C-alpha atoms as a PDB file:
ATOM      1  CA  UNK A   1      -0.153  -0.130   0.077  1.00  0.00           C
ATOM      2  CA  UNK A   2       1.573   3.671  -1.244  1.00  0.00           C
ATOM      3  CA  UNK A   3       1.660   6.229   1.581  1.00  0.00           C
ATOM      4  CA  UNK A   4      -0.519   9.255   1.497  1.00  0.00           C
ATOM      5  CA  UNK A   5       1.825  12.298   1.360  1.00  0.00           C
ATOM      6  CA  UNK A   6      -0.834  14.838   2.196  1.00  0.00           C
ATOM      7  CA  UNK A   7      -1.578  12.320   5.283  1.00  0.00           C
ATOM      8  CA  UNK A   8       1.868  12.191   6.200  1.00  0.00           C
ATOM      9  CA  UNK A   9       2.321  15.922   6.257  1.00  0.00           C
ATOM     10  CA  UNK A  10      -1.064  16.659   8.136  1.00  0.00           C
ATOM     11  CA  UNK A  11       0.289  13.849  10.650  1.00  0.00           C
ATOM     12  CA  UNK A  12       3.688  15.620  10.770  1.00  0.00           C
ATOM     13  CA  UNK A  13       2.088  19.262  11.386  1.00  0.00           C
ATOM     14  CA  UNK A  14      -0.051  17.960  14.263  1.00  0.00           C
ATOM     15  CA  UNK A  15       2.935  16.110  15.929  1.00  0.00           C
ATOM     16  CA  UNK A  16       4.807  19.046  15.443  1.00  0.00           C
ATOM     17  CA  UNK A  17       2.299  21.259  16.814  1.00  0.00           C
ATOM     18  CA  UNK A  18       1.415  19.140  19.640  1.00  0.00           C
ATOM     19  CA  UNK A  19       4.983  19.330  21.133  1.00  0.00           C
ATOM     20  CA  UNK A  20       4.805  23.236  20.999  1.00  0.00           C
ATOM     21  CA  UNK A  21       0.877  23.088  22.264  1.00  0.00           C
ATOM     22  CA  UNK A  22       2.750  21.370  25.647  1.00  0.00           C
ATOM     23  CA  UNK A  23       5.546  23.258  25.443  1.00  0.00           C
ATOM     24  CA  UNK A  24       3.562  26.669  25.346  1.00  0.00           C
ATOM     25  CA  UNK A  25       1.131  25.428  28.336  1.00  0.00           C
ATOM     26  CA  UNK A  26       4.281  25.166  30.645  1.00  0.00           C
ATOM     27  CA  UNK A  27       5.394  28.480  29.828  1.00  0.00           C
ATOM     28  CA  UNK A  28       2.649  30.140  30.119  1.00  0.00           C
ATOM     29  CA  UNK A  29       1.925  29.037  33.372  1.00  0.00           C
ATOM     30  CA  UNK A  30       5.355  29.943  34.620  1.00  0.00           C
ATOM     31  CA  UNK A  31       5.505  33.255  33.136  1.00  0.00           C
ATOM     32  CA  UNK A  32       2.084  34.192  34.241  1.00  0.00           C
ATOM     33  CA  UNK A  33       2.509  33.057  37.387  1.00  0.00           C
ATOM     34  CA  UNK A  34       5.825  34.070  38.449  1.00  0.00           C
ATOM     35  CA  UNK A  35       5.338  37.469  36.625  1.00  0.00           C
ATOM     36  CA  UNK A  36       2.481  38.289  38.653  1.00  0.00           C
ATOM     37  CA  UNK A  37       3.875  36.902  41.625  1.00  0.00           C
ATOM     38  CA  UNK A  38       7.239  38.502  41.196  1.00  0.00           C
ATOM     39  CA  UNK A  39       5.976  41.810  39.943  1.00  0.00           C
ATOM     40  CA  UNK A  40       7.567  41.825  36.466  1.00  0.00           C
ATOM     41  CA  UNK A  41       5.211  43.550  33.637  1.00  0.00           C
ATOM     42  CA  UNK A  42       7.925  42.065  31.197  1.00  0.00           C
ATOM     43  CA  UNK A  43       7.472  38.478  32.416  1.00  0.00           C
ATOM     44  CA  UNK A  44       3.667  38.960  32.587  1.00  0.00           C
ATOM     45  CA  UNK A  45       3.471  40.091  28.767  1.00  0.00           C
ATOM     46  CA  UNK A  46       5.807  37.454  27.672  1.00  0.00           C
ATOM     47  CA  UNK A  47       3.457  34.924  29.574  1.00  0.00           C
ATOM     48  CA  UNK A  48       0.559  36.769  27.289  1.00  0.00           C
ATOM     49  CA  UNK A  49       2.818  35.892  24.401  1.00  0.00           C
ATOM     50  CA  UNK A  50       2.765  32.496  25.337  1.00  0.00           C
ATOM     51  CA  UNK A  51      -0.800  32.066  25.781  1.00  0.00           C
ATOM     52  CA  UNK A  52      -1.092  33.488  22.160  1.00  0.00           C
ATOM     53  CA  UNK A  53       1.100  30.902  20.927  1.00  0.00           C
ATOM     54  CA  UNK A  54      -0.922  28.372  23.153  1.00  0.00           C
ATOM     55  CA  UNK A  55      -4.023  29.627  21.021  1.00  0.00           C
ATOM     56  CA  UNK A  56      -2.523  29.853  17.905  1.00  0.00           C
ATOM     57  CA  UNK A  57      -1.604  25.922  18.189  1.00  0.00           C
ATOM     58  CA  UNK A  58      -5.225  25.570  18.877  1.00  0.00           C
ATOM     59  CA  UNK A  59      -5.699  26.983  15.329  1.00  0.00           C
ATOM     60  CA  UNK A  60      -3.027  25.203  13.412  1.00  0.00           C
ATOM     61  CA  UNK A  61      -4.409  21.957  14.998  1.00  0.00           C
ATOM     62  CA  UNK A  62      -7.982  22.667  13.701  1.00  0.00           C
ATOM     63  CA  UNK A  63      -7.053  24.088  10.503  1.00  0.00           C
ATOM     64  CA  UNK A  64      -4.520  21.943   9.527  1.00  0.00           C
ATOM     65  CA  UNK A  65      -7.281  18.577   9.380  1.00  0.00           C
ATOM     66  CA  UNK A  66      -9.202  20.706   6.816  1.00  0.00           C
ATOM     67  CA  UNK A  67      -6.730  22.429   4.664  1.00  0.00           C
ATOM     68  CA  UNK A  68      -5.207  18.911   3.426  1.00  0.00           C
ATOM     69  CA  UNK A  69      -8.586  17.608   2.479  1.00  0.00           C
ATOM     70  CA  UNK A  70      -8.805  16.479  -1.225  1.00  0.00           C
ATOM     71  CA  UNK A  71     -10.571  18.522  -3.799  1.00  0.00           C
ATOM     72  CA  UNK A  72     -14.125  17.829  -4.127  1.00  0.00           C
ATOM     73  CA  UNK A  73     -17.203  19.626  -5.824  1.00  0.00           C
ATOM     74  CA  UNK A  74     -17.501  22.539  -3.806  1.00  0.00           C
ATOM     75  CA  UNK A  75     -13.467  23.316  -3.395  1.00  0.00           C
ATOM     76  CA  UNK A  76     -12.352  22.373  -6.756  1.00  0.00           C
ATOM     77  CA  UNK A  77      -8.444  23.863  -5.913  1.00  0.00           C
ATOM     78  CA  UNK A  78      -8.765  21.639  -2.804  1.00  0.00           C
ATOM     79  CA  UNK A  79      -8.687  23.276   0.894  1.00  0.00           C
ATOM     80  CA  UNK A  80      -5.200  24.634   0.895  1.00  0.00           C
ATOM     81  CA  UNK A  81      -6.504  28.351   1.897  1.00  0.00           C
ATOM     82  CA  UNK A  82      -8.072  27.274   5.125  1.00  0.00           C
ATOM     83  CA  UNK A  83      -3.900  26.945   5.957  1.00  0.00           C
ATOM     84  CA  UNK A  84      -3.444  30.292   4.735  1.00  0.00           C
ATOM     85  CA  UNK A  85      -6.716  31.634   6.848  1.00  0.00           C
ATOM     86  CA  UNK A  86      -4.879  29.889   9.680  1.00  0.00           C
ATOM     87  CA  UNK A  87      -1.719  32.062   9.432  1.00  0.00           C
ATOM     88  CA  UNK A  88      -3.746  34.987   8.724  1.00  0.00           C
ATOM     89  CA  UNK A  89      -5.709  34.592  11.779  1.00  0.00           C
ATOM     90  CA  UNK A  90      -2.225  33.665  13.914  1.00  0.00           C
ATOM     91  CA  UNK A  91      -0.790  37.387  12.459  1.00  0.00           C
ATOM     92  CA  UNK A  92      -4.087  39.408  13.717  1.00  0.00           C
ATOM     93  CA  UNK A  93      -3.711  37.874  17.155  1.00  0.00           C
ATOM     94  CA  UNK A  94      -0.352  38.279  17.192  1.00  0.00           C
ATOM     95  CA  UNK A  95      -0.962  41.935  16.282  1.00  0.00           C
ATOM     96  CA  UNK A  96      -3.382  42.211  19.139  1.00  0.00           C
ATOM     97  CA  UNK A  97      -1.278  41.038  21.484  1.00  0.00           C
ATOM     98  CA  UNK A  98       1.524  43.287  20.710  1.00  0.00           C
ATOM     99  CA  UNK A  99      -1.030  46.225  20.777  1.00  0.00           C
ATOM    100  CA  UNK A 100      -2.012  45.445  24.298  1.00  0.00           C
ATOM    101  CA  UNK A 101       1.400  44.680  25.825  1.00  0.00           C
ATOM    102  CA  UNK A 102       2.612  48.024  24.760  1.00  0.00           C
ATOM    103  CA  UNK A 103      -0.294  49.909  26.060  1.00  0.00           C
ATOM    104  CA  UNK A 104      -0.009  48.208  29.058  1.00  0.00           C
ATOM    105  CA  UNK A 105       4.031  49.099  29.258  1.00  0.00           C
ATOM    106  CA  UNK A 106       3.233  52.708  28.332  1.00  0.00           C
ATOM    107  CA  UNK A 107       0.780  53.150  31.379  1.00  0.00           C
ATOM    108  CA  UNK A 108       3.492  51.649  33.944  1.00  0.00           C
ATOM    109  CA  UNK A 109       6.283  53.746  32.189  1.00  0.00           C
ATOM    110  CA  UNK A 110       3.938  56.648  32.582  1.00  0.00           C
ATOM    111  CA  UNK A 111       3.478  56.105  36.308  1.00  0.00           C
ATOM    112  CA  UNK A 112       7.272  56.012  36.533  1.00  0.00           C
ATOM    113  CA  UNK A 113       7.367  59.050  35.260  1.00  0.00           C
ATOM    114  CA  UNK A 114       4.868  60.839  37.454  1.00  0.00           C
ATOM    115  CA  UNK A 115       6.708  59.693  40.203  1.00  0.00           C
ATOM    116  CA  UNK A 116       5.203  56.804  41.246  1.00  0.00           C
ATOM    117  CA  UNK A 117       7.802  53.821  42.217  1.00  0.00           C
ATOM    118  CA  UNK A 118       7.536  50.770  40.476  1.00  0.00           C
ATOM    119  CA  UNK A 119       7.815  47.346  42.477  1.00  0.00           C
ATOM    120  CA  UNK A 120      11.351  45.286  42.561  1.00  0.00           C
ATOM    121  CA  UNK A 121      10.901  41.722  40.295  1.00  0.00           C
ATOM    122  CA  UNK A 122      11.503  38.401  42.180  1.00  0.00           C
ATOM    123  CA  UNK A 123      14.862  36.956  41.292  1.00  0.00           C
ATOM    124  CA  UNK A 124      12.950  34.174  40.114  1.00  0.00           C
ATOM    125  CA  UNK A 125      11.529  36.148  37.139  1.00  0.00           C
ATOM    126  CA  UNK A 126      14.889  36.230  35.790  1.00  0.00           C
ATOM    127  CA  UNK A 127      15.393  32.366  35.814  1.00  0.00           C
ATOM    128  CA  UNK A 128      11.966  32.101  33.974  1.00  0.00           C
ATOM    129  CA  UNK A 129      12.988  34.302  31.141  1.00  0.00           C
ATOM    130  CA  UNK A 130      16.306  32.210  30.834  1.00  0.00           C
ATOM    131  CA  UNK A 131      14.192  28.960  30.912  1.00  0.00           C
ATOM    132  CA  UNK A 132      11.597  30.606  27.972  1.00  0.00           C
ATOM    133  CA  UNK A 133      14.460  31.586  25.702  1.00  0.00           C
ATOM    134  CA  UNK A 134      16.060  28.213  25.695  1.00  0.00           C
ATOM    135  CA  UNK A 135      12.930  26.692  25.137  1.00  0.00           C
ATOM    136  CA  UNK A 136      11.394  28.884  22.383  1.00  0.00           C
ATOM    137  CA  UNK A 137      14.450  28.965  20.287  1.00  0.00           C
ATOM    138  CA  UNK A 138      14.694  25.084  20.373  1.00  0.00           C
ATOM    139  CA  UNK A 139      11.431  24.909  19.930  1.00  0.00           C
ATOM    140  CA  UNK A 140      11.568  27.551  16.748  1.00  0.00           C
ATOM    141  CA  UNK A 141      14.581  25.314  15.444  1.00  0.00           C
ATOM    142  CA  UNK A 142      12.262  22.016  15.561  1.00  0.00           C
ATOM    143  CA  UNK A 143       9.257  23.587  14.210  1.00  0.00           C
ATOM    144  CA  UNK A 144      10.819  25.777  11.438  1.00  0.00           C
ATOM    145  CA  UNK A 145      12.634  22.630   9.813  1.00  0.00           C
ATOM    146  CA  UNK A 146       9.852  20.374   9.880  1.00  0.00           C
ATOM    147  CA  UNK A 147       7.962  23.299   8.156  1.00  0.00           C
ATOM    148  CA  UNK A 148      10.169  23.670   5.608  1.00  0.00           C
ATOM    149  CA  UNK A 149      10.528  20.138   4.648  1.00  0.00           C
ATOM    150  CA  UNK A 150       6.879  20.038   4.074  1.00  0.00           C
ATOM    151  CA  UNK A 151       6.198  23.381   2.783  1.00  0.00           C
ATOM    152  CA  UNK A 152       3.636  24.112   5.583  1.00  0.00           C
ATOM    153  CA  UNK A 153       2.585  27.814   5.806  1.00  0.00           C
ATOM    154  CA  UNK A 154       1.136  27.356   9.179  1.00  0.00           C
ATOM    155  CA  UNK A 155       3.945  25.146  10.088  1.00  0.00           C
ATOM    156  CA  UNK A 156       6.659  27.795   9.467  1.00  0.00           C
ATOM    157  CA  UNK A 157       4.146  30.744  10.471  1.00  0.00           C
ATOM    158  CA  UNK A 158       4.204  28.819  14.219  1.00  0.00           C
ATOM    159  CA  UNK A 159       7.703  28.542  14.195  1.00  0.00           C
ATOM    160  CA  UNK A 160       8.575  32.220  13.668  1.00  0.00           C
ATOM    161  CA  UNK A 161       5.818  32.807  16.599  1.00  0.00           C
ATOM    162  CA  UNK A 162       8.240  30.834  18.995  1.00  0.00           C
ATOM    163  CA  UNK A 163      11.015  32.692  17.593  1.00  0.00           C
ATOM    164  CA  UNK A 164       9.127  35.805  18.196  1.00  0.00           C
ATOM    165  CA  UNK A 165       8.358  34.620  21.769  1.00  0.00           C
ATOM    166  CA  UNK A 166      12.106  33.659  22.173  1.00  0.00           C
ATOM    167  CA  UNK A 167      13.556  37.338  21.289  1.00  0.00           C
ATOM    168  CA  UNK A 168      10.803  38.735  23.427  1.00  0.00           C
ATOM    169  CA  UNK A 169      12.084  36.478  26.183  1.00  0.00           C
ATOM    170  CA  UNK A 170      15.076  38.264  25.793  1.00  0.00           C
ATOM    171  CA  UNK A 171      13.993  41.413  26.260  1.00  0.00           C
ATOM    172  CA  UNK A 172      12.490  40.289  29.339  1.00  0.00           C
ATOM    173  CA  UNK A 173      15.426  38.936  31.007  1.00  0.00           C
ATOM    174  CA  UNK A 174      17.420  42.483  30.063  1.00  0.00           C
ATOM    175  CA  UNK A 175      14.561  44.323  31.653  1.00  0.00           C
ATOM    176  CA  UNK A 176      13.854  42.395  34.723  1.00  0.00           C
ATOM    177  CA  UNK A 177      17.856  41.664  35.204  1.00  0.00           C
ATOM    178  CA  UNK A 178      18.334  45.833  35.101  1.00  0.00           C
ATOM    179  CA  UNK A 179      15.347  46.116  37.365  1.00  0.00           C
ATOM    180  CA  UNK A 180      16.617  43.585  39.569  1.00  0.00           C
ATOM    181  CA  UNK A 181      20.085  44.660  39.860  1.00  0.00           C
ATOM    182  CA  UNK A 182      20.651  48.338  39.221  1.00  0.00           C
ATOM    183  CA  UNK A 183      18.385  49.890  41.732  1.00  0.00           C
ATOM    184  CA  UNK A 184      14.805  51.691  42.121  1.00  0.00           C
ATOM    185  CA  UNK A 185      16.028  54.058  39.446  1.00  0.00           C
ATOM    186  CA  UNK A 186      16.112  51.497  37.220  1.00  0.00           C
ATOM    187  CA  UNK A 187      12.899  49.400  37.566  1.00  0.00           C
ATOM    188  CA  UNK A 188      11.318  51.620  34.799  1.00  0.00           C
ATOM    189  CA  UNK A 189      13.580  49.047  32.375  1.00  0.00           C
ATOM    190  CA  UNK A 190      10.999  46.265  33.208  1.00  0.00           C
ATOM    191  CA  UNK A 191       7.934  48.198  31.580  1.00  0.00           C
ATOM    192  CA  UNK A 192      10.259  49.813  28.405  1.00  0.00           C
ATOM    193  CA  UNK A 193      10.973  45.890  28.014  1.00  0.00           C
ATOM    194  CA  UNK A 194       7.239  44.926  28.198  1.00  0.00           C
ATOM    195  CA  UNK A 195       6.941  47.828  24.947  1.00  0.00           C
ATOM    196  CA  UNK A 196      10.135  46.422  23.461  1.00  0.00           C
ATOM    197  CA  UNK A 197       8.410  43.189  23.410  1.00  0.00           C
ATOM    198  CA  UNK A 198       5.229  44.391  21.615  1.00  0.00           C
ATOM    199  CA  UNK A 199       7.242  45.746  18.821  1.00  0.00           C
ATOM    200  CA  UNK A 200       9.017  42.387  18.347  1.00  0.00           C
ATOM    201  CA  UNK A 201       5.623  40.767  18.317  1.00  0.00           C
ATOM    202  CA  UNK A 202       4.083  43.597  15.707  1.00  0.00           C
ATOM    203  CA  UNK A 203       7.237  42.820  13.770  1.00  0.00           C
ATOM    204  CA  UNK A 204       6.766  38.997  13.758  1.00  0.00           C
ATOM    205  CA  UNK A 205       2.867  39.217  13.238  1.00  0.00           C
ATOM    206  CA  UNK A 206       3.332  41.719  10.026  1.00  0.00           C
ATOM    207  CA  UNK A 207       6.067  39.140   8.509  1.00  0.00           C
ATOM    208  CA  UNK A 208       3.200  36.039   9.213  1.00  0.00           C
ATOM    209  CA  UNK A 209       0.118  38.076   7.928  1.00  0.00           C
ATOM    210  CA  UNK A 210       1.610  39.444   4.622  1.00  0.00           C
ATOM    211  CA  UNK A 211       2.432  36.062   2.796  1.00  0.00           C
ATOM    212  CA  UNK A 212      -0.937  34.947   3.817  1.00  0.00           C
ATOM    213  CA  UNK A 213      -2.543  38.457   2.181  1.00  0.00           C
ATOM    214  CA  UNK A 214      -0.334  38.223  -0.659  1.00  0.00           C
ATOM    215  CA  UNK A 215      -1.678  34.795  -1.299  1.00  0.00           C
ATOM    216  CA  UNK A 216      -5.373  35.524  -0.648  1.00  0.00           C
ATOM    217  CA  UNK A 217      -4.888  38.732  -3.172  1.00  0.00           C
ATOM    218  CA  UNK A 218      -3.626  35.849  -5.965  1.00  0.00           C
ATOM    219  CA  UNK A 219       0.201  37.148  -5.799  1.00  0.00           C
ATOM    220  CA  UNK A 220       2.125  35.294  -8.084  1.00  0.00           C
ATOM    221  CA  UNK A 221       4.785  32.694  -6.965  1.00  0.00           C
ATOM    222  CA  UNK A 222       8.339  34.192  -5.995  1.00  0.00           C
ATOM    223  CA  UNK A 223      10.669  35.172  -9.051  1.00  0.00           C
ATOM    224  CA  UNK A 224      12.924  31.952  -8.872  1.00  0.00           C
ATOM    225  CA  UNK A 225       9.941  29.766  -8.676  1.00  0.00           C
ATOM    226  CA  UNK A 226       8.487  31.322 -11.598  1.00  0.00           C
ATOM    227  CA  UNK A 227      11.995  31.271 -13.454  1.00  0.00           C
ATOM    228  CA  UNK A 228      12.315  27.675 -12.736  1.00  0.00           C
ATOM    229  CA  UNK A 229       8.687  27.134 -14.147  1.00  0.00           C
ATOM    230  CA  UNK A 230       9.249  28.684 -17.446  1.00  0.00           C
ATOM    231  CA  UNK A 231      12.784  26.732 -17.857  1.00  0.00           C
ATOM    232  CA  UNK A 232      10.886  23.699 -17.477  1.00  0.00           C
ATOM    233  CA  UNK A 233       8.021  24.175 -19.959  1.00  0.00           C
ATOM    234  CA  UNK A 234      10.537  25.732 -22.461  1.00  0.00           C
ATOM    235  CA  UNK A 235      12.562  22.253 -22.162  1.00  0.00           C
ATOM    236  CA  UNK A 236       9.297  20.012 -22.787  1.00  0.00           C
ATOM    237  CA  UNK A 237      10.014  18.560 -26.782  1.00  0.00           C
ATOM    238  CA  UNK A 238       7.203  20.271 -28.987  1.00  0.00           C
ATOM    239  CA  UNK A 239       6.649  23.189 -27.123  1.00  0.00           C
ATOM    240  CA  UNK A 240       7.807  25.738 -29.513  1.00  0.00           C
ATOM    241  CA  UNK A 241       6.799  28.936 -27.268  1.00  0.00           C
ATOM    242  CA  UNK A 242       4.113  29.787 -24.463  1.00  0.00           C
ATOM    243  CA  UNK A 243       3.010  32.951 -23.107  1.00  0.00           C
ATOM    244  CA  UNK A 244       0.270  33.947 -20.811  1.00  0.00           C
ATOM    245  CA  UNK A 245       2.273  31.842 -17.858  1.00  0.00           C
ATOM    246  CA  UNK A 246      -0.008  32.857 -14.822  1.00  0.00           C
ATOM    247  CA  UNK A 247       1.128  31.205 -11.311  1.00  0.00           C
ATOM    248  CA  UNK A 248      -0.309  31.492  -7.857  1.00  0.00           C
ATOM    249  CA  UNK A 249      -0.303  29.785  -4.241  1.00  0.00           C
ATOM    250  CA  UNK A 250      -3.011  28.132  -2.763  1.00  0.00           C
ATOM    251  CA  UNK A 251      -2.459  27.080   0.804  1.00  0.00           C
ATOM    252  CA  UNK A 252       0.361  24.037   0.500  1.00  0.00           C
ATOM    253  CA  UNK A 253      -0.792  23.870  -3.397  1.00  0.00           C
ATOM    254  CA  UNK A 254       0.982  25.795  -6.220  1.00  0.00           C
ATOM    255  CA  UNK A 255      -1.335  26.636  -9.571  1.00  0.00           C
ATOM    256  CA  UNK A 256       0.007  27.291 -12.844  1.00  0.00           C
ATOM    257  CA  UNK A 257      -1.670  28.430 -15.807  1.00  0.00           C
ATOM    258  CA  UNK A 258      -0.172  28.466 -19.594  1.00  0.00           C
ATOM    259  CA  UNK A 259      -0.750  28.861 -22.879  1.00  0.00           C
ATOM    260  CA  UNK A 260       1.808  26.714 -25.423  1.00  0.00           C
ATOM    261  CA  UNK A 261       2.265  27.245 -28.830  1.00  0.00           C
ATOM    262  CA  UNK A 262       2.789  24.075 -30.849  1.00  0.00           C
ATOM    263  CA  UNK A 263       3.017  23.296 -34.855  1.00  0.00           C
ATOM    264  CA  UNK A 264      -0.202  24.070 -36.407  1.00  0.00           C
ATOM    265  CA  UNK A 265      -0.530  21.038 -38.296  1.00  0.00           C
ATOM    266  CA  UNK A 266       0.074  18.241 -35.857  1.00  0.00           C
ATOM    267  CA  UNK A 267      -3.363  16.137 -34.844  1.00  0.00           C
ATOM    268  CA  UNK A 268      -5.433  16.908 -31.478  1.00  0.00           C
ATOM    269  CA  UNK A 269      -3.863  13.896 -29.937  1.00  0.00           C
ATOM    270  CA  UNK A 270      -0.469  14.996 -30.724  1.00  0.00           C
ATOM    271  CA  UNK A 271      -1.068  18.168 -29.122  1.00  0.00           C
ATOM    272  CA  UNK A 272      -2.678  16.680 -26.006  1.00  0.00           C
ATOM    273  CA  UNK A 273       0.242  14.370 -25.425  1.00  0.00           C
ATOM    274  CA  UNK A 274       2.755  17.586 -25.753  1.00  0.00           C
ATOM    275  CA  UNK A 275       0.375  19.535 -23.101  1.00  0.00           C
ATOM    276  CA  UNK A 276       0.472  16.004 -20.975  1.00  0.00           C
ATOM    277  CA  UNK A 277       4.148  16.047 -20.960  1.00  0.00           C
ATOM    278  CA  UNK A 278       4.456  19.902 -19.960  1.00  0.00           C
ATOM    279  CA  UNK A 279       2.106  18.864 -16.581  1.00  0.00           C
ATOM    280  CA  UNK A 280       3.951  15.520 -16.232  1.00  0.00           C
ATOM    281  CA  UNK A 281       7.650  17.641 -16.184  1.00  0.00           C
ATOM    282  CA  UNK A 282       6.369  20.216 -14.119  1.00  0.00           C
ATOM    283  CA  UNK A 283       5.261  17.372 -11.199  1.00  0.00           C
ATOM    284  CA  UNK A 284       8.378  15.673 -11.573  1.00  0.00           C
ATOM    285  CA  UNK A 285      10.457  18.294 -10.869  1.00  0.00           C
ATOM    286  CA  UNK A 286       8.346  20.411  -8.557  1.00  0.00           C
ATOM    287  CA  UNK A 287       6.299  18.237  -6.952  1.00  0.00           C
ATOM    288  CA  UNK A 288       3.011  16.509  -7.083  1.00  0.00           C
ATOM    289  CA  UNK A 289       1.047  19.278  -5.202  1.00  0.00           C
ATOM    290  CA  UNK A 290       0.087  21.525  -8.143  1.00  0.00           C
ATOM    291  CA  UNK A 291      -2.841  22.416 -10.094  1.00  0.00           C
ATOM    292  CA  UNK A 292      -1.682  22.488 -13.880  1.00  0.00           C
ATOM    293  CA  UNK A 293      -3.425  23.963 -16.699  1.00  0.00           C
ATOM    294  CA  UNK A 294      -2.076  23.937 -20.333  1.00  0.00           C
ATOM    295  CA  UNK A 295      -3.933  25.344 -23.328  1.00  0.00           C
ATOM    296  CA  UNK A 296      -3.064  24.502 -26.596  1.00  0.00           C
ATOM    297  CA  UNK A 297      -2.327  27.159 -29.429  1.00  0.00           C
ATOM    298  CA  UNK A 298      -0.828  26.844 -32.762  1.00  0.00           C
ATOM    299  CA  UNK A 299       2.564  28.753 -33.313  1.00  0.00           C
ATOM    300  CA  UNK A 300       2.918  30.675 -36.654  1.00  0.00           C
ATOM    301  CA  UNK A 301       6.506  32.349 -36.782  1.00  0.00           C
ATOM    302  CA  UNK A 302       5.146  35.704 -38.552  1.00  0.00           C
ATOM    303  CA  UNK A 303       3.063  36.323 -36.111  1.00  0.00           C
ATOM    304  CA  UNK A 304       4.952  37.169 -32.205  1.00  0.00           C
ATOM    305  CA  UNK A 305       2.312  39.771 -31.457  1.00  0.00           C
ATOM    306  CA  UNK A 306       0.826  37.307 -28.237  1.00  0.00           C
ATOM    307  CA  UNK A 307       4.168  35.428 -27.998  1.00  0.00           C
ATOM    308  CA  UNK A 308       6.419  36.479 -24.412  1.00  0.00           C
ATOM    309  CA  UNK A 309       9.913  36.754 -26.230  1.00  0.00           C
ATOM    310  CA  UNK A 310      11.169  36.134 -22.700  1.00  0.00           C
ATOM    311  CA  UNK A 311       9.665  32.385 -23.009  1.00  0.00           C
ATOM    312  CA  UNK A 312      10.333  31.249 -26.463  1.00  0.00           C
ATOM    313  CA  UNK A 313      12.897  28.075 -26.241  1.00  0.00           C
ATOM    314  CA  UNK A 314      16.092  28.250 -27.908  1.00  0.00           C
ATOM    315  CA  UNK A 315      17.022  25.732 -30.564  1.00  0.00           C
END
């Protein structure tokens, strides 16, 4: 019995996400508990960041099962955009978390500037921040490597979410350490660190949301991929020229539309065989997760008006 690649990818995504889910649950409890108990705005902010990680793991676990379902009559291009939607939702949630954290940090900083003494963080907040940095960086490396291996946008988005948490924990460690060791005048470093955390999270949110927005707006595939597609099509025997090449992404799938030019006097069967060869060659070199639509046109050398000169195969 042959393995189902889509089923294997879903299994990988779910396994990796469950690992992150439990790590985030533990870090969330540690950060929020020690943050509130240890009087650290930065660690509390970092804890809410882990809470958002915890929530987005839920989103990935729910969406991935839908995203890898086979195409059907109501979704002829598959369900890949559910994964895109999951990435966009992660970005939106992160942006909301960033605004909330930044707002709280600004409030505490204003209190300090108005002469209100800020509490000294507990020494355990430093230890928790250090543990978080190590755990989240390891989780990023693990999640991103798996996401890259199966080209999963939601898994890679979740990985960058882990990286943003690791970076925010570095800011937490700096702010809490400065506030603890440098005296009462430097306790403002803790809320300032929470503001920095909010900025890092907002940047991560944009990096996650932008590819999803591009995909939903039907942006073409990256230029290197398009260049490779052009080269592959031009290499197929019988393709004299081609134009109207359009590409886009739908979740984990890529969609390619192209008009190829063939000899005008060949039979319909021969033209169909050339088109089939184009599809087969593309899938052999780029992977099976492609939707390819090839339209056949007769090639007339004297009519170059509709031919993309950059896509005409060389003799």
